[in-house]
Amino acid sequence: QERKAQERRKVIDERCGQPRDLETASEDDLRRLCEQYHARAAALESTKYDLEHEVTMKDYEINELNIAVNDLRGKFIKPTLKKVSKYENKFAKLQKKAAEFN
């Protein structure tokens, strides 16, 4: 557990940097530090947006390729069609019209 905690601390230090002493820092130092953090946050959000867009594009491409593969294989389930008599439909329409007329 200690080894895991040390590795975790090491990764956090690499990603975030060492903690800054904010108590004794001057106003200019604090302003500069805030600007650095803001620039870093903006860069990270930009990277995040780019990665999310790339993932959605890859998902779309995967979907299109799956559709193309299915087209090539011809593995579509053909729906069963109902047999409908032409004459019954015409007769039913004529009966409706006659009922409306009467």
PDB file of N, CA and C in Angstrom:
ATOM      1  N   GLN A   1       0.828  -1.196   0.000  1.00  0.00           N
ATOM      2  CA  GLN A   1       0.000   0.000   0.000  1.00  0.00           C
ATOM      3  C   GLN A   1       0.866   1.250   0.000  1.00  0.00           C
ATOM      4  N   GLU A   2       1.954   1.197   0.738  1.00  0.00           N
ATOM      5  CA  GLU A   2       2.845   2.361   0.775  1.00  0.00           C
ATOM      6  C   GLU A   2       3.446   2.604  -0.606  1.00  0.00           C
ATOM      7  N   ARG A   3       3.810   1.514  -1.285  1.00  0.00           N
ATOM      8  CA  ARG A   3       4.393   1.649  -2.615  1.00  0.00           C
ATOM      9  C   ARG A   3       3.382   2.261  -3.576  1.00  0.00           C
ATOM     10  N   LYS A   4       2.120   1.800  -3.481  1.00  0.00           N
ATOM     11  CA  LYS A   4       1.075   2.360  -4.327  1.00  0.00           C
ATOM     12  C   LYS A   4       0.872   3.845  -4.030  1.00  0.00           C
ATOM     13  N   ALA A   5       0.889   4.200  -2.758  1.00  0.00           N
ATOM     14  CA  ALA A   5       0.703   5.592  -2.367  1.00  0.00           C
ATOM     15  C   ALA A   5       1.858   6.451  -2.884  1.00  0.00           C
ATOM     16  N   GLN A   6       3.076   5.922  -2.840  1.00  0.00           N
ATOM     17  CA  GLN A   6       4.221   6.669  -3.354  1.00  0.00           C
ATOM     18  C   GLN A   6       4.125   6.845  -4.868  1.00  0.00           C
ATOM     19  N   GLU A   7       3.736   5.793  -5.568  1.00  0.00           N
ATOM     20  CA  GLU A   7       3.581   5.902  -7.014  1.00  0.00           C
ATOM     21  C   GLU A   7       2.490   6.908  -7.375  1.00  0.00           C
ATOM     22  N   ARG A   8       1.402   6.859  -6.620  1.00  0.00           N
ATOM     23  CA  ARG A   8       0.297   7.783  -6.851  1.00  0.00           C
ATOM     24  C   ARG A   8       0.742   9.222  -6.619  1.00  0.00           C
ATOM     25  N   ARG A   9       1.487   9.429  -5.530  1.00  0.00           N
ATOM     26  CA  ARG A   9       1.990  10.769  -5.214  1.00  0.00           C
ATOM     27  C   ARG A   9       2.940  11.255  -6.313  1.00  0.00           C
ATOM     28  N   LYS A  10       3.759  10.332  -6.822  1.00  0.00           N
ATOM     29  CA  LYS A  10       4.709  10.673  -7.880  1.00  0.00           C
ATOM     30  C   LYS A  10       3.979  11.107  -9.145  1.00  0.00           C
ATOM     31  N   VAL A  11       2.921  10.363  -9.519  1.00  0.00           N
ATOM     32  CA  VAL A  11       2.151  10.711 -10.708  1.00  0.00           C
ATOM     33  C   VAL A  11       1.459  12.059 -10.522  1.00  0.00           C
ATOM     34  N   ILE A  12       0.902  12.293  -9.350  1.00  0.00           N
ATOM     35  CA  ILE A  12       0.242  13.571  -9.073  1.00  0.00           C
ATOM     36  C   ILE A  12       1.248  14.713  -9.160  1.00  0.00           C
ATOM     37  N   ASP A  13       2.441  14.513  -8.617  1.00  0.00           N
ATOM     38  CA  ASP A  13       3.474  15.552  -8.688  1.00  0.00           C
ATOM     39  C   ASP A  13       3.883  15.831 -10.127  1.00  0.00           C
ATOM     40  N   GLU A  14       3.972  14.778 -10.949  1.00  0.00           N
ATOM     41  CA  GLU A  14       4.338  14.975 -12.353  1.00  0.00           C
ATOM     42  C   GLU A  14       3.259  15.749 -13.100  1.00  0.00           C
ATOM     43  N   ARG A  15       2.001  15.426 -12.837  1.00  0.00           N
ATOM     44  CA  ARG A  15       0.910  16.074 -13.556  1.00  0.00           C
ATOM     45  C   ARG A  15       0.617  17.480 -13.054  1.00  0.00           C
ATOM     46  N   CYS A  16       0.663  17.656 -11.751  1.00  0.00           N
ATOM     47  CA  CYS A  16       0.226  18.928 -11.173  1.00  0.00           C
ATOM     48  C   CYS A  16       1.390  19.824 -10.736  1.00  0.00           C
ATOM     49  N   GLY A  17       2.551  19.260 -10.576  1.00  0.00           N
ATOM     50  CA  GLY A  17       3.672  20.043 -10.073  1.00  0.00           C
ATOM     51  C   GLY A  17       3.683  20.049  -8.554  1.00  0.00           C
ATOM     52  N   GLN A  18       4.694  20.660  -8.012  1.00  0.00           N
ATOM     53  CA  GLN A  18       4.821  20.716  -6.557  1.00  0.00           C
ATOM     54  C   GLN A  18       3.857  21.768  -6.003  1.00  0.00           C
ATOM     55  N   PRO A  19       3.350  21.556  -4.788  1.00  0.00           N
ATOM     56  CA  PRO A  19       2.458  22.557  -4.197  1.00  0.00           C
ATOM     57  C   PRO A  19       3.201  23.874  -3.975  1.00  0.00           C
ATOM     58  N   ARG A  20       2.530  24.974  -4.248  1.00  0.00           N
ATOM     59  CA  ARG A  20       3.131  26.301  -4.113  1.00  0.00           C
ATOM     60  C   ARG A  20       2.826  26.872  -2.726  1.00  0.00           C
ATOM     61  N   ASP A  21       3.718  27.719  -2.258  1.00  0.00           N
ATOM     62  CA  ASP A  21       3.506  28.395  -0.973  1.00  0.00           C
ATOM     63  C   ASP A  21       2.701  29.655  -1.244  1.00  0.00           C
ATOM     64  N   LEU A  22       1.425  29.603  -0.958  1.00  0.00           N
ATOM     65  CA  LEU A  22       0.541  30.719  -1.267  1.00  0.00           C
ATOM     66  C   LEU A  22       0.464  31.733  -0.128  1.00  0.00           C
ATOM     67  N   GLU A  23       0.845  31.334   1.062  1.00  0.00           N
ATOM     68  CA  GLU A  23       0.718  32.211   2.233  1.00  0.00           C
ATOM     69  C   GLU A  23       1.695  33.383   2.165  1.00  0.00           C
ATOM     70  N   THR A  24       2.919  33.109   1.715  1.00  0.00           N
ATOM     71  CA  THR A  24       3.939  34.157   1.728  1.00  0.00           C
ATOM     72  C   THR A  24       4.121  34.810   0.357  1.00  0.00           C
ATOM     73  N   ALA A  25       3.357  34.410  -0.635  1.00  0.00           N
ATOM     74  CA  ALA A  25       3.518  34.943  -1.988  1.00  0.00           C
ATOM     75  C   ALA A  25       2.916  36.349  -2.075  1.00  0.00           C
ATOM     76  N   SER A  26       3.545  37.180  -2.896  1.00  0.00           N
ATOM     77  CA  SER A  26       3.030  38.538  -3.096  1.00  0.00           C
ATOM     78  C   SER A  26       1.835  38.489  -4.045  1.00  0.00           C
ATOM     79  N   GLU A  27       1.168  39.639  -4.182  1.00  0.00           N
ATOM     80  CA  GLU A  27      -0.011  39.692  -5.037  1.00  0.00           C
ATOM     81  C   GLU A  27       0.359  39.437  -6.492  1.00  0.00           C
ATOM     82  N   ASP A  28       1.506  39.957  -6.931  1.00  0.00           N
ATOM     83  CA  ASP A  28       1.947  39.719  -8.313  1.00  0.00           C
ATOM     84  C   ASP A  28       2.242  38.242  -8.549  1.00  0.00           C
ATOM     85  N   ASP A  29       2.877  37.609  -7.566  1.00  0.00           N
ATOM     86  CA  ASP A  29       3.157  36.172  -7.690  1.00  0.00           C
ATOM     87  C   ASP A  29       1.855  35.375  -7.778  1.00  0.00           C
ATOM     88  N   LEU A  30       0.885  35.746  -6.949  1.00  0.00           N
ATOM     89  CA  LEU A  30      -0.405  35.055  -6.975  1.00  0.00           C
ATOM     90  C   LEU A  30      -1.111  35.269  -8.321  1.00  0.00           C
ATOM     91  N   ARG A  31      -1.037  36.499  -8.840  1.00  0.00           N
ATOM     92  CA  ARG A  31      -1.659  36.799 -10.122  1.00  0.00           C
ATOM     93  C   ARG A  31      -1.005  35.972 -11.233  1.00  0.00           C
ATOM     94  N   ARG A  32       0.317  35.908 -11.225  1.00  0.00           N
ATOM     95  CA  ARG A  32       1.057  35.138 -12.215  1.00  0.00           C
ATOM     96  C   ARG A  32       0.708  33.651 -12.108  1.00  0.00           C
ATOM     97  N   LEU A  33       0.620  33.177 -10.880  1.00  0.00           N
ATOM     98  CA  LEU A  33       0.279  31.772 -10.642  1.00  0.00           C
ATOM     99  C   LEU A  33      -1.132  31.458 -11.155  1.00  0.00           C
ATOM    100  N   CYS A  34      -2.071  32.370 -10.903  1.00  0.00           N
ATOM    101  CA  CYS A  34      -3.446  32.176 -11.392  1.00  0.00           C
ATOM    102  C   CYS A  34      -3.468  32.176 -12.914  1.00  0.00           C
ATOM    103  N   GLU A  35      -2.706  33.050 -13.542  1.00  0.00           N
ATOM    104  CA  GLU A  35      -2.653  33.081 -15.002  1.00  0.00           C
ATOM    105  C   GLU A  35      -2.075  31.781 -15.555  1.00  0.00           C
ATOM    106  N   GLN A  36      -1.046  31.251 -14.877  1.00  0.00           N
ATOM    107  CA  GLN A  36      -0.466  29.976 -15.313  1.00  0.00           C
ATOM    108  C   GLN A  36      -1.491  28.854 -15.193  1.00  0.00           C
ATOM    109  N   TYR A  37      -2.197  28.826 -14.069  1.00  0.00           N
ATOM    110  CA  TYR A  37      -3.205  27.784 -13.872  1.00  0.00           C
ATOM    111  C   TYR A  37      -4.339  27.924 -14.895  1.00  0.00           C
ATOM    112  N   HIS A  38      -4.724  29.159 -15.181  1.00  0.00           N
ATOM    113  CA  HIS A  38      -5.792  29.382 -16.162  1.00  0.00           C
ATOM    114  C   HIS A  38      -5.351  28.913 -17.547  1.00  0.00           C
ATOM    115  N   ALA A  39      -4.134  29.246 -17.935  1.00  0.00           N
ATOM    116  CA  ALA A  39      -3.628  28.827 -19.246  1.00  0.00           C
ATOM    117  C   ALA A  39      -3.548  27.306 -19.330  1.00  0.00           C
ATOM    118  N   ARG A  40      -3.118  26.698 -18.243  1.00  0.00           N
ATOM    119  CA  ARG A  40      -3.020  25.231 -18.235  1.00  0.00           C
ATOM    120  C   ARG A  40      -4.401  24.585 -18.319  1.00  0.00           C
ATOM    121  N   ALA A  41      -5.366  25.143 -17.569  1.00  0.00           N
ATOM    122  CA  ALA A  41      -6.725  24.596 -17.601  1.00  0.00           C
ATOM    123  C   ALA A  41      -7.327  24.755 -18.999  1.00  0.00           C
ATOM    124  N   ALA A  42      -7.080  25.892 -19.644  1.00  0.00           N
ATOM    125  CA  ALA A  42      -7.605  26.116 -20.988  1.00  0.00           C
ATOM    126  C   ALA A  42      -6.990  25.122 -21.973  1.00  0.00           C
ATOM    127  N   ALA A  43      -5.691  24.891 -21.840  1.00  0.00           N
ATOM    128  CA  ALA A  43      -5.021  23.944 -22.736  1.00  0.00           C
ATOM    129  C   ALA A  43      -5.567  22.532 -22.524  1.00  0.00           C
ATOM    130  N   LEU A  44      -5.784  22.158 -21.274  1.00  0.00           N
ATOM    131  CA  LEU A  44      -6.318  20.824 -20.978  1.00  0.00           C
ATOM    132  C   LEU A  44      -7.743  20.666 -21.510  1.00  0.00           C
ATOM    133  N   GLU A  45      -8.572  21.705 -21.373  1.00  0.00           N
ATOM    134  CA  GLU A  45      -9.938  21.640 -21.903  1.00  0.00           C
ATOM    135  C   GLU A  45      -9.915  21.513 -23.424  1.00  0.00           C
ATOM    136  N   SER A  46      -8.995  22.232 -24.059  1.00  0.00           N
ATOM    137  CA  SER A  46      -8.870  22.153 -25.512  1.00  0.00           C
ATOM    138  C   SER A  46      -8.482  20.738 -25.938  1.00  0.00           C
ATOM    139  N   THR A  47      -7.528  20.161 -25.234  1.00  0.00           N
ATOM    140  CA  THR A  47      -7.107  18.789 -25.532  1.00  0.00           C
ATOM    141  C   THR A  47      -8.256  17.811 -25.310  1.00  0.00           C
ATOM    142  N   LYS A  48      -9.006  18.028 -24.221  1.00  0.00           N
ATOM    143  CA  LYS A  48     -10.142  17.162 -23.908  1.00  0.00           C
ATOM    144  C   LYS A  48     -11.192  17.243 -25.015  1.00  0.00           C
ATOM    145  N   TYR A  49     -11.486  18.453 -25.472  1.00  0.00           N
ATOM    146  CA  TYR A  49     -12.470  18.632 -26.537  1.00  0.00           C
ATOM    147  C   TYR A  49     -12.006  17.931 -27.807  1.00  0.00           C
ATOM    148  N   ASP A  50     -10.721  18.096 -28.152  1.00  0.00           N
ATOM    149  CA  ASP A  50     -10.192  17.453 -29.353  1.00  0.00           C
ATOM    150  C   ASP A  50     -10.305  15.932 -29.257  1.00  0.00           C
ATOM    151  N   LEU A  51      -9.984  15.386 -28.097  1.00  0.00           N
ATOM    152  CA  LEU A  51     -10.053  13.935 -27.922  1.00  0.00           C
ATOM    153  C   LEU A  51     -11.493  13.436 -27.998  1.00  0.00           C
ATOM    154  N   GLU A  52     -12.420  14.188 -27.381  1.00  0.00           N
ATOM    155  CA  GLU A  52     -13.825  13.778 -27.441  1.00  0.00           C
ATOM    156  C   GLU A  52     -14.331  13.810 -28.874  1.00  0.00           C
ATOM    157  N   HIS A  53     -13.950  14.837 -29.617  1.00  0.00           N
ATOM    158  CA  HIS A  53     -14.369  14.934 -31.018  1.00  0.00           C
ATOM    159  C   HIS A  53     -13.784  13.773 -31.825  1.00  0.00           C
ATOM    160  N   GLU A  54     -12.533  13.441 -31.554  1.00  0.00           N
ATOM    161  CA  GLU A  54     -11.892  12.328 -32.257  1.00  0.00           C
ATOM    162  C   GLU A  54     -12.605  11.014 -31.956  1.00  0.00           C
ATOM    163  N   VAL A  55     -13.002  10.829 -30.697  1.00  0.00           N
ATOM    164  CA  VAL A  55     -13.710   9.604 -30.309  1.00  0.00           C
ATOM    165  C   VAL A  55     -15.053   9.518 -31.025  1.00  0.00           C
ATOM    166  N   THR A  56     -15.787  10.629 -31.090  1.00  0.00           N
ATOM    167  CA  THR A  56     -17.084  10.583 -31.773  1.00  0.00           C
ATOM    168  C   THR A  56     -16.901  10.310 -33.260  1.00  0.00           C
ATOM    169  N   MET A  57     -15.865  10.887 -33.858  1.00  0.00           N
ATOM    170  CA  MET A  57     -15.610  10.633 -35.278  1.00  0.00           C
ATOM    171  C   MET A  57     -15.239   9.171 -35.511  1.00  0.00           C
ATOM    172  N   LYS A  58     -14.439   8.596 -34.620  1.00  0.00           N
ATOM    173  CA  LYS A  58     -14.063   7.184 -34.746  1.00  0.00           C
ATOM    174  C   LYS A  58     -15.288   6.286 -34.579  1.00  0.00           C
ATOM    175  N   ASP A  59     -16.176   6.642 -33.632  1.00  0.00           N
ATOM    176  CA  ASP A  59     -17.404   5.862 -33.453  1.00  0.00           C
ATOM    177  C   ASP A  59     -18.257   5.904 -34.709  1.00  0.00           C
ATOM    178  N   TYR A  60     -18.370   7.087 -35.305  1.00  0.00           N
ATOM    179  CA  TYR A  60     -19.135   7.226 -36.538  1.00  0.00           C
ATOM    180  C   TYR A  60     -18.512   6.383 -37.646  1.00  0.00           C
ATOM    181  N   GLU A  61     -17.175   6.440 -37.748  1.00  0.00           N
ATOM    182  CA  GLU A  61     -16.484   5.666 -38.779  1.00  0.00           C
ATOM    183  C   GLU A  61     -16.676   4.164 -38.566  1.00  0.00           C
ATOM    184  N   ILE A  62     -16.611   3.727 -37.312  1.00  0.00           N
ATOM    185  CA  ILE A  62     -16.826   2.310 -36.997  1.00  0.00           C
ATOM    186  C   ILE A  62     -18.232   1.891 -37.405  1.00  0.00           C
ATOM    187  N   ASN A  63     -19.215   2.747 -37.101  1.00  0.00           N
ATOM    188  CA  ASN A  63     -20.598   2.443 -37.465  1.00  0.00           C
ATOM    189  C   ASN A  63     -20.745   2.342 -38.980  1.00  0.00           C
ATOM    190  N   GLU A  64     -20.149   3.277 -39.712  1.00  0.00           N
ATOM    191  CA  GLU A  64     -20.227   3.249 -41.171  1.00  0.00           C
ATOM    192  C   GLU A  64     -19.553   1.993 -41.732  1.00  0.00           C
ATOM    193  N   LEU A  65     -18.417   1.613 -41.160  1.00  0.00           N
ATOM    194  CA  LEU A  65     -17.729   0.409 -41.630  1.00  0.00           C
ATOM    195  C   LEU A  65     -18.544  -0.844 -41.338  1.00  0.00           C
ATOM    196  N   ASN A  66     -19.207  -0.870 -40.175  1.00  0.00           N
ATOM    197  CA  ASN A  66     -20.076  -2.014 -39.869  1.00  0.00           C
ATOM    198  C   ASN A  66     -21.215  -2.117 -40.863  1.00  0.00           C
ATOM    199  N   ILE A  67     -21.784  -0.974 -41.229  1.00  0.00           N
ATOM    200  CA  ILE A  67     -22.861  -0.981 -42.214  1.00  0.00           C
ATOM    201  C   ILE A  67     -22.335  -1.486 -43.556  1.00  0.00           C
ATOM    202  N   ALA A  68     -21.130  -1.030 -43.932  1.00  0.00           N
ATOM    203  CA  ALA A  68     -20.550  -1.472 -45.203  1.00  0.00           C
ATOM    204  C   ALA A  68     -20.283  -2.975 -45.194  1.00  0.00           C
ATOM    205  N   VAL A  69     -19.795  -3.491 -44.068  1.00  0.00           N
ATOM    206  CA  VAL A  69     -19.531  -4.932 -43.962  1.00  0.00           C
ATOM    207  C   VAL A  69     -20.836  -5.708 -44.073  1.00  0.00           C
ATOM    208  N   ASN A  70     -21.876  -5.218 -43.416  1.00  0.00           N
ATOM    209  CA  ASN A  70     -23.174  -5.904 -43.511  1.00  0.00           C
ATOM    210  C   ASN A  70     -23.714  -5.868 -44.933  1.00  0.00           C
ATOM    211  N   ASP A  71     -23.492  -4.743 -45.625  1.00  0.00           N
ATOM    212  CA  ASP A  71     -23.927  -4.668 -47.021  1.00  0.00           C
ATOM    213  C   ASP A  71     -23.197  -5.701 -47.871  1.00  0.00           C
ATOM    214  N   LEU A  72     -21.902  -5.833 -47.637  1.00  0.00           N
ATOM    215  CA  LEU A  72     -21.128  -6.777 -48.434  1.00  0.00           C
ATOM    216  C   LEU A  72     -21.509  -8.220 -48.138  1.00  0.00           C
ATOM    217  N   ARG A  73     -21.800  -8.507 -46.905  1.00  0.00           N
ATOM    218  CA  ARG A  73     -22.163  -9.878 -46.525  1.00  0.00           C
ATOM    219  C   ARG A  73     -23.579 -10.216 -46.949  1.00  0.00           C
ATOM    220  N   GLY A  74     -24.418  -9.217 -46.991  1.00  0.00           N
ATOM    221  CA  GLY A  74     -25.817  -9.464 -47.330  1.00  0.00           C
ATOM    222  C   GLY A  74     -26.578 -10.098 -46.185  1.00  0.00           C
ATOM    223  N   LYS A  75     -26.173  -9.809 -44.960  1.00  0.00           N
ATOM    224  CA  LYS A  75     -26.830 -10.423 -43.806  1.00  0.00           C
ATOM    225  C   LYS A  75     -27.958  -9.530 -43.303  1.00  0.00           C
ATOM    226  N   PHE A  76     -28.957  -9.368 -44.127  1.00  0.00           N
ATOM    227  CA  PHE A  76     -30.103  -8.613 -43.685  1.00  0.00           C
ATOM    228  C   PHE A  76     -31.257  -9.572 -43.499  1.00  0.00           C
ATOM    229  N   ILE A  77     -32.012  -9.355 -42.470  1.00  0.00           N
ATOM    230  CA  ILE A  77     -33.193 -10.181 -42.234  1.00  0.00           C
ATOM    231  C   ILE A  77     -34.311  -9.584 -43.065  1.00  0.00           C
ATOM    232  N   LYS A  78     -34.801 -10.353 -44.003  1.00  0.00           N
ATOM    233  CA  LYS A  78     -35.869  -9.860 -44.857  1.00  0.00           C
ATOM    234  C   LYS A  78     -37.179  -9.961 -44.088  1.00  0.00           C
ATOM    235  N   PRO A  79     -37.906  -8.866 -44.049  1.00  0.00           N
ATOM    236  CA  PRO A  79     -39.178  -8.923 -43.306  1.00  0.00           C
ATOM    237  C   PRO A  79     -40.183  -9.780 -44.049  1.00  0.00           C
ATOM    238  N   THR A  80     -40.993 -10.473 -43.291  1.00  0.00           N
ATOM    239  CA  THR A  80     -42.019 -11.300 -43.908  1.00  0.00           C
ATOM    240  C   THR A  80     -43.154 -10.388 -44.357  1.00  0.00           C
ATOM    241  N   LEU A  81     -43.550 -10.544 -45.587  1.00  0.00           N
ATOM    242  CA  LEU A  81     -44.598  -9.699 -46.142  1.00  0.00           C
ATOM    243  C   LEU A  81     -45.947 -10.386 -46.005  1.00  0.00           C
ATOM    244  N   LYS A  82     -46.949  -9.594 -45.711  1.00  0.00           N
ATOM    245  CA  LYS A  82     -48.293 -10.140 -45.603  1.00  0.00           C
ATOM    246  C   LYS A  82     -48.881 -10.255 -47.008  1.00  0.00           C
ATOM    247  N   LYS A  83     -49.615 -11.305 -47.203  1.00  0.00           N
ATOM    248  CA  LYS A  83     -50.305 -11.445 -48.481  1.00  0.00           C
ATOM    249  C   LYS A  83     -51.646 -10.725 -48.358  1.00  0.00           C
ATOM    250  N   VAL A  84     -51.819  -9.791 -49.256  1.00  0.00           N
ATOM    251  CA  VAL A  84     -53.045  -8.999 -49.213  1.00  0.00           C
ATOM    252  C   VAL A  84     -53.725  -9.119 -50.563  1.00  0.00           C
ATOM    253  N   SER A  85     -54.997  -9.390 -50.511  1.00  0.00           N
ATOM    254  CA  SER A  85     -55.761  -9.512 -51.742  1.00  0.00           C
ATOM    255  C   SER A  85     -56.161  -8.125 -52.233  1.00  0.00           C
ATOM    256  N   LYS A  86     -55.948  -7.862 -53.509  1.00  0.00           N
ATOM    257  CA  LYS A  86     -56.312  -6.567 -54.077  1.00  0.00           C
ATOM    258  C   LYS A  86     -57.820  -6.358 -54.020  1.00  0.00           C
ATOM    259  N   TYR A  87     -58.549  -7.406 -54.305  1.00  0.00           N
ATOM    260  CA  TYR A  87     -59.996  -7.278 -54.423  1.00  0.00           C
ATOM    261  C   TYR A  87     -60.645  -7.011 -53.076  1.00  0.00           C
ATOM    262  N   GLU A  88     -60.108  -7.608 -51.992  1.00  0.00           N
ATOM    263  CA  GLU A  88     -60.695  -7.381 -50.668  1.00  0.00           C
ATOM    264  C   GLU A  88     -60.539  -5.925 -50.270  1.00  0.00           C
ATOM    265  N   ASN A  89     -59.342  -5.347 -50.549  1.00  0.00           N
ATOM    266  CA  ASN A  89     -59.121  -3.943 -50.209  1.00  0.00           C
ATOM    267  C   ASN A  89     -60.068  -3.038 -50.978  1.00  0.00           C
ATOM    268  N   LYS A  90     -60.242  -3.297 -52.282  1.00  0.00           N
ATOM    269  CA  LYS A  90     -61.136  -2.469 -53.089  1.00  0.00           C
ATOM    270  C   LYS A  90     -62.576  -2.605 -52.616  1.00  0.00           C
ATOM    271  N   PHE A  91     -62.949  -3.829 -52.260  1.00  0.00           N
ATOM    272  CA  PHE A  91     -64.302  -4.073 -51.789  1.00  0.00           C
ATOM    273  C   PHE A  91     -64.555  -3.344 -50.467  1.00  0.00           C
ATOM    274  N   ALA A  92     -63.544  -3.357 -49.577  1.00  0.00           N
ATOM    275  CA  ALA A  92     -63.687  -2.684 -48.293  1.00  0.00           C
ATOM    276  C   ALA A  92     -63.816  -1.179 -48.494  1.00  0.00           C
ATOM    277  N   LYS A  93     -63.049  -0.614 -49.423  1.00  0.00           N
ATOM    278  CA  LYS A  93     -63.144   0.824 -49.696  1.00  0.00           C
ATOM    279  C   LYS A  93     -64.513   1.180 -50.251  1.00  0.00           C
ATOM    280  N   LEU A  94     -65.016   0.342 -51.143  1.00  0.00           N
ATOM    281  CA  LEU A  94     -66.330   0.600 -51.719  1.00  0.00           C
ATOM    282  C   LEU A  94     -67.423   0.560 -50.649  1.00  0.00           C
ATOM    283  N   GLN A  95     -67.301  -0.374 -49.712  1.00  0.00           N
ATOM    284  CA  GLN A  95     -68.288  -0.473 -48.628  1.00  0.00           C
ATOM    285  C   GLN A  95     -68.245   0.766 -47.756  1.00  0.00           C
ATOM    286  N   LYS A  96     -67.028   1.311 -47.469  1.00  0.00           N
ATOM    287  CA  LYS A  96     -66.915   2.519 -46.653  1.00  0.00           C
ATOM    288  C   LYS A  96     -67.585   3.692 -47.352  1.00  0.00           C
ATOM    289  N   LYS A  97     -67.327   3.827 -48.659  1.00  0.00           N
ATOM    290  CA  LYS A  97     -67.923   4.920 -49.403  1.00  0.00           C
ATOM    291  C   LYS A  97     -69.449   4.798 -49.422  1.00  0.00           C
ATOM    292  N   ALA A  98     -69.915   3.573 -49.583  1.00  0.00           N
ATOM    293  CA  ALA A  98     -71.353   3.362 -49.595  1.00  0.00           C
ATOM    294  C   ALA A  98     -71.962   3.690 -48.238  1.00  0.00           C
ATOM    295  N   ALA A  99     -71.263   3.369 -47.163  1.00  0.00           N
ATOM    296  CA  ALA A  99     -71.761   3.660 -45.826  1.00  0.00           C
ATOM    297  C   ALA A  99     -71.797   5.177 -45.592  1.00  0.00           C
ATOM    298  N   GLU A 100     -70.802   5.906 -46.109  1.00  0.00           N
ATOM    299  CA  GLU A 100     -70.791   7.348 -45.954  1.00  0.00           C
ATOM    300  C   GLU A 100     -71.907   7.982 -46.778  1.00  0.00           C
ATOM    301  N   PHE A 101     -72.141   7.437 -47.927  1.00  0.00           N
ATOM    302  CA  PHE A 101     -73.155   7.971 -48.823  1.00  0.00           C
ATOM    303  C   PHE A 101     -74.552   7.800 -48.248  1.00  0.00           C
ATOM    304  N   ASN A 102     -74.760   6.638 -47.588  1.00  0.00           N
ATOM    305  CA  ASN A 102     -76.083   6.359 -47.008  1.00  0.00           C
ATOM    306  C   ASN A 102     -76.177   7.009 -45.699  1.00  0.00           C
TER     307      ASN A 102
END
